Amino acid sequence: MITESQIHELFESAKLASRNSHSPYSRFAVGAAVLTPDGRIYLGTNVENASYGLTICAERVAICSAVTAGAKNIVAIAVSAKNASVTPCGACRQFIAEFGNDVEVVYSRGGQVVCEPISVLLPSFFSRRELGI
């Protein structure tokens, strides 16, 4: 469980990250921020491509940034888009769930910042258990 102060900091970090979005096609800038157990925050933003299938979401960029820096565990992830309520897409939900069903997801819903575990957003995620690992 993360504190109210961590929720606020993470959500604000995601909002700041959205400023660096490369979204010339949709003009829908999204930012994400990942919190690791040691208190570090890693940022990500969506990066679109003319070949739209190659576009990558902010959440996956933030998680990959954390993993690249050596983080193997994620406590929470926040996602933010300017003037919009947004939650992680299905692919990002599965990507987040790879790091545990207790990862907290922070996002805006109806103008309020909410925080709930990924298991609420994706109750039947594909996991290592299904692979026998």
Protein backbone atom coordinates (compact mmCIF):
# COMPACT_ATOMS: atom_id res chain seq x y z
CA MET A 1 0.00 0.00 0.00
CA ILE A 2 1.31 3.44 -0.83
CA THR A 3 0.73 6.64 1.10
CA GLU A 4 -1.41 9.59 0.01
CA SER A 5 1.77 11.61 -0.39
CA GLN A 6 3.29 8.96 -2.68
CA ILE A 7 0.06 8.80 -4.70
CA HIS A 8 0.16 12.56 -5.19
CA GLU A 9 3.88 12.62 -6.08
CA LEU A 10 3.52 9.74 -8.52
CA PHE A 11 0.49 11.26 -10.26
CA GLU A 12 2.19 14.66 -10.55
CA SER A 13 5.29 12.95 -11.98
CA ALA A 14 3.12 11.22 -14.60
CA LYS A 15 1.54 14.57 -15.52
CA LEU A 16 5.00 16.09 -15.98
CA ALA A 17 6.14 13.14 -18.10
CA SER A 18 3.23 13.65 -20.49
CA ARG A 19 4.80 16.94 -21.57
CA ASN A 20 7.47 14.96 -23.42
CA SER A 21 4.99 12.86 -25.38
CA HIS A 22 5.65 12.20 -29.05
CA SER A 23 2.04 12.05 -30.20
CA PRO A 24 1.79 13.91 -33.53
CA TYR A 25 -0.98 11.62 -34.84
CA SER A 26 -3.44 11.39 -31.96
CA ARG A 27 -2.33 14.53 -30.13
CA PHE A 28 -3.18 12.56 -26.98
CA ALA A 29 -0.22 13.01 -24.66
CA VAL A 30 0.07 10.44 -21.89
CA GLY A 31 2.61 10.22 -19.09
CA ALA A 32 3.40 7.48 -16.61
CA ALA A 33 5.50 7.16 -13.48
CA VAL A 34 6.65 3.96 -11.78
CA LEU A 35 7.50 3.73 -8.08
CA THR A 36 9.98 1.06 -6.99
CA PRO A 37 10.41 -0.32 -3.45
CA ASP A 38 13.51 1.85 -2.86
CA GLY A 39 11.43 5.00 -3.50
CA ARG A 40 12.81 5.79 -6.95
CA ILE A 41 10.46 7.03 -9.65
CA TYR A 42 10.91 6.21 -13.34
CA LEU A 43 9.07 8.13 -16.04
CA GLY A 44 7.64 7.25 -19.40
CA THR A 45 5.54 8.86 -22.11
CA ASN A 46 3.74 7.56 -25.15
CA VAL A 47 5.73 7.48 -28.37
CA GLU A 48 3.69 7.24 -31.56
CA ASN A 49 4.87 6.05 -34.95
CA ALA A 50 3.55 6.52 -38.50
CA SER A 51 3.19 2.75 -38.51
CA TYR A 52 0.67 2.95 -35.69
CA GLY A 53 1.19 -0.63 -34.48
CA LEU A 54 4.71 0.37 -33.45
CA THR A 55 3.38 3.00 -31.04
CA ILE A 56 4.27 2.33 -27.39
CA CYS A 57 2.26 3.43 -24.38
CA ALA A 58 3.63 5.55 -21.56
CA GLU A 59 3.14 2.81 -18.98
CA ARG A 60 5.32 0.32 -20.85
CA VAL A 61 8.00 2.98 -21.44
CA ALA A 62 8.09 3.78 -17.69
CA ILE A 63 8.28 0.11 -16.71
CA CYS A 64 11.04 -0.53 -19.26
CA SER A 65 12.95 2.49 -17.90
CA ALA A 66 12.75 1.04 -14.39
CA VAL A 67 13.83 -2.43 -15.53
CA THR A 68 16.67 -0.98 -17.62
CA ALA A 69 17.93 0.78 -14.47
CA GLY A 70 17.92 -2.55 -12.63
CA ALA A 71 14.57 -2.42 -10.86
CA LYS A 72 12.91 -5.81 -10.69
CA ASN A 73 9.96 -4.89 -8.48
CA ILE A 74 7.27 -2.27 -8.90
CA VAL A 75 5.16 -0.89 -6.07
CA ALA A 76 2.92 1.40 -8.10
CA ILE A 77 2.40 3.06 -11.45
CA ALA A 78 0.54 6.27 -12.25
CA VAL A 79 -0.87 7.27 -15.62
CA SER A 80 -2.07 10.72 -16.65
CA ALA A 81 -3.37 12.47 -19.76
CA LYS A 82 -4.09 16.17 -19.99
CA ASN A 83 -7.77 16.99 -19.49
CA ALA A 84 -8.84 13.34 -19.60
CA SER A 85 -9.52 10.43 -17.31
CA VAL A 86 -7.40 7.55 -18.48
CA THR A 87 -6.56 4.05 -17.28
CA PRO A 88 -3.98 1.68 -18.70
CA CYS A 89 -5.05 -0.12 -21.88
CA GLY A 90 -5.43 -3.89 -21.88
CA ALA A 91 -1.88 -4.53 -23.11
CA CYS A 92 -0.46 -2.24 -20.43
CA ARG A 93 -2.59 -3.89 -17.74
CA GLN A 94 -1.08 -7.25 -18.66
CA PHE A 95 2.40 -5.69 -18.75
CA ILE A 96 1.88 -4.23 -15.25
CA ALA A 97 0.51 -7.53 -13.94
CA GLU A 98 3.80 -9.21 -14.90
CA PHE A 99 5.24 -7.48 -11.84
CA GLY A 100 2.58 -8.74 -9.42
CA ASN A 101 -1.14 -8.62 -8.79
CA ASP A 102 -0.62 -6.14 -5.95
CA VAL A 103 0.95 -3.34 -8.04
CA GLU A 104 -1.05 -0.20 -7.28
CA VAL A 105 -2.37 1.75 -10.28
CA VAL A 106 -2.94 5.49 -9.83
CA TYR A 107 -5.13 7.31 -12.34
CA SER A 108 -7.84 9.94 -12.66
CA ARG A 109 -11.50 8.96 -12.73
CA GLY A 110 -14.15 11.65 -12.91
CA GLY A 111 -11.72 14.32 -11.77
CA GLN A 112 -10.59 12.33 -8.73
CA VAL A 113 -7.25 10.57 -8.38
CA VAL A 114 -7.85 6.93 -7.49
CA CYS A 115 -5.52 4.10 -6.55
CA GLU A 116 -6.32 0.41 -6.86
CA PRO A 117 -4.39 -2.80 -7.42
CA ILE A 118 -3.90 -4.07 -10.95
CA SER A 119 -5.88 -7.18 -9.96
CA VAL A 120 -8.99 -4.97 -9.83
CA LEU A 121 -8.36 -3.57 -13.33
CA LEU A 122 -7.36 -6.95 -14.76
CA PRO A 123 -8.78 -9.73 -12.56
CA SER A 124 -7.86 -12.69 -14.79
CA PHE A 125 -4.42 -11.78 -16.05
CA PHE A 126 -2.09 -14.21 -17.77
CA SER A 127 0.72 -15.15 -15.38
CA ARG A 128 3.71 -17.38 -14.84
CA ARG A 129 1.40 -19.83 -13.08
CA GLU A 130 -0.36 -20.55 -16.39
CA LEU A 131 3.06 -21.21 -17.92
CA GLY A 132 4.05 -23.53 -15.08
CA ILE A 133 6.93 -21.25 -14.04
